[in-house]
Structure formats: C-alpha cells, structure tokens
Amino acid sequence: AIVLEPAVLLLDEPTANLDPQNVEIIESILHTLNRDRSTTIVLVTHNLFQARRLAHRVGLMLEGRMEELAETEAFFGSPTSPLTAAFVGGRMVY
C-alpha cells in the first residue's frame, strides 16, 4: 500500500503480535510517511502507548460510535467524557 503513495493510509492493528524491534521499525516508517509525504494515517490500535506515541489526534470508539475525539494531549490529559477518562485510567469500559 505504501508503494502506491496514498494520500490516506488506513491501518488496522499494523503492529499486532510483532516483537518490539519490528514495532519500532513500523512506527518509524509511519512517522516518516506522515512527516515527509504528509500522508494522513488512520490507525486502529488497542495499545494506548502506541496511540500516544504516534497520533496527532486520538479517538475512542465504543459500541459503534465515537465517544471522544481530541488532540492527543487533551485526550490523555483532560478527557471530556467520563468513559474516556475511565479508559485512559486503565478501567474497562466495554
């Protein structure tokens, strides 16, 4: 998909089940694509640490609807939704 130089790249758990070294390689490629080619990347992950490392904006989707969408620091530092606050705090909200 990257070879085609898309304007938007949709990724679903691109680093699931990879070892940390390969996660770092994939994340570096994604960061470079976004920075150097201005590729918009929509990445689905259950890894909060990865979301915080990579994202400009983070969203929490629950039961098929967007619970919260915010800039990364606001999402993690001062979420407006009680469910997002619970999720970021490590509590199960499913």
Protein backbone atom coordinates (compact mmCIF):
# COMPACT_ATOMS: atom_id res chain seq x y z
CA ALA A 1 0.00 0.00 0.00
CA ILE A 2 2.84 2.42 0.78
CA VAL A 3 4.40 1.92 -2.68
CA LEU A 4 1.30 3.49 -4.23
CA GLU A 5 1.92 6.67 -2.18
CA PRO A 6 -1.67 7.11 -1.00
CA ALA A 7 -2.90 10.40 0.41
CA VAL A 8 -4.66 8.43 3.17
CA LEU A 9 -3.50 5.14 4.65
CA LEU A 10 -5.94 3.06 6.72
CA LEU A 11 -4.31 0.60 9.12
CA ASP A 12 -5.93 -1.91 11.46
CA GLU A 13 -3.56 -3.07 14.21
CA PRO A 14 -0.47 -2.91 11.93
CA THR A 15 1.92 -3.98 14.71
CA ALA A 16 -0.22 -6.61 16.44
CA ASN A 17 1.84 -9.62 17.51
CA LEU A 18 5.16 -8.10 16.46
CA ASP A 19 8.24 -8.01 18.63
CA PRO A 20 9.32 -4.58 19.97
CA GLN A 21 12.11 -4.17 17.41
CA ASN A 22 9.72 -4.60 14.47
CA VAL A 23 7.10 -2.39 16.13
CA GLU A 24 9.73 0.34 16.25
CA ILE A 25 10.53 -0.14 12.55
CA ILE A 26 6.87 0.06 11.50
CA GLU A 27 6.24 3.10 13.72
CA SER A 28 9.29 4.84 12.26
CA ILE A 29 8.03 4.22 8.71
CA LEU A 30 4.60 5.59 9.61
CA HIS A 31 6.09 8.66 11.27
CA THR A 32 8.24 9.32 8.19
CA LEU A 33 5.28 8.90 5.81
CA ASN A 34 3.24 11.36 7.81
CA ARG A 35 6.03 13.90 8.23
CA ASP A 36 7.74 13.76 4.83
CA ARG A 37 4.87 12.89 2.49
CA SER A 38 2.02 14.43 4.50
CA THR A 39 0.23 11.08 4.36
CA THR A 40 -2.86 11.03 6.55
CA ILE A 41 -2.79 7.83 8.58
CA VAL A 42 -5.84 6.40 10.32
CA LEU A 43 -4.58 3.71 12.65
CA VAL A 44 -6.70 1.41 14.80
CA THR A 45 -4.90 0.16 17.90
CA HIS A 46 -5.71 -1.10 21.36
CA ASN A 47 -2.26 -0.01 22.51
CA LEU A 48 -2.63 3.28 24.38
CA PHE A 49 1.14 3.78 24.48
CA GLN A 50 1.33 3.47 20.70
CA ALA A 51 -1.55 5.89 20.22
CA ARG A 52 0.18 8.40 22.45
CA ARG A 53 3.50 8.00 20.60
CA LEU A 54 2.14 8.29 17.07
CA ALA A 55 -1.09 10.23 16.98
CA HIS A 56 -1.85 13.89 16.49
CA ARG A 57 -5.48 13.12 17.40
CA VAL A 58 -6.95 10.16 19.27
CA GLY A 59 -10.48 8.84 19.27
CA LEU A 60 -12.26 6.32 21.46
CA MET A 61 -14.94 4.32 19.74
CA LEU A 62 -17.49 2.44 21.86
CA GLU A 63 -20.46 0.44 20.63
CA GLY A 64 -20.06 1.74 17.09
CA ARG A 65 -19.97 5.44 17.96
CA MET A 66 -17.19 7.92 18.57
CA GLU A 67 -17.14 8.59 22.31
CA GLU A 68 -14.42 11.21 22.12
CA LEU A 69 -12.03 12.65 19.53
CA ALA A 70 -9.37 15.10 20.66
CA GLU A 71 -5.80 16.23 20.23
CA THR A 72 -3.53 13.61 21.78
CA GLU A 73 -2.51 15.57 24.88
CA ALA A 74 -6.09 16.61 25.60
CA PHE A 75 -7.37 13.07 25.06
CA PHE A 76 -4.93 11.61 27.56
CA GLY A 77 -4.53 14.59 29.88
CA SER A 78 -8.02 16.01 30.21
CA PRO A 79 -10.66 13.88 28.52
CA THR A 80 -14.15 15.38 28.45
CA SER A 81 -16.02 12.08 28.50
CA PRO A 82 -16.21 10.10 31.76
CA LEU A 83 -15.89 6.90 29.71
CA THR A 84 -12.73 8.15 28.05
CA ALA A 85 -11.32 9.17 31.42
CA ALA A 86 -12.06 5.68 32.75
CA PHE A 87 -10.48 4.03 29.69
CA VAL A 88 -7.35 6.18 29.83
CA GLY A 89 -7.17 5.43 33.55
CA GLY A 90 -7.00 1.72 32.82
CA ARG A 91 -10.55 0.74 33.70
CA MET A 92 -12.68 -1.49 31.49
CA VAL A 93 -15.48 0.50 29.84
CA TYR A 94 -16.87 -2.10 27.45
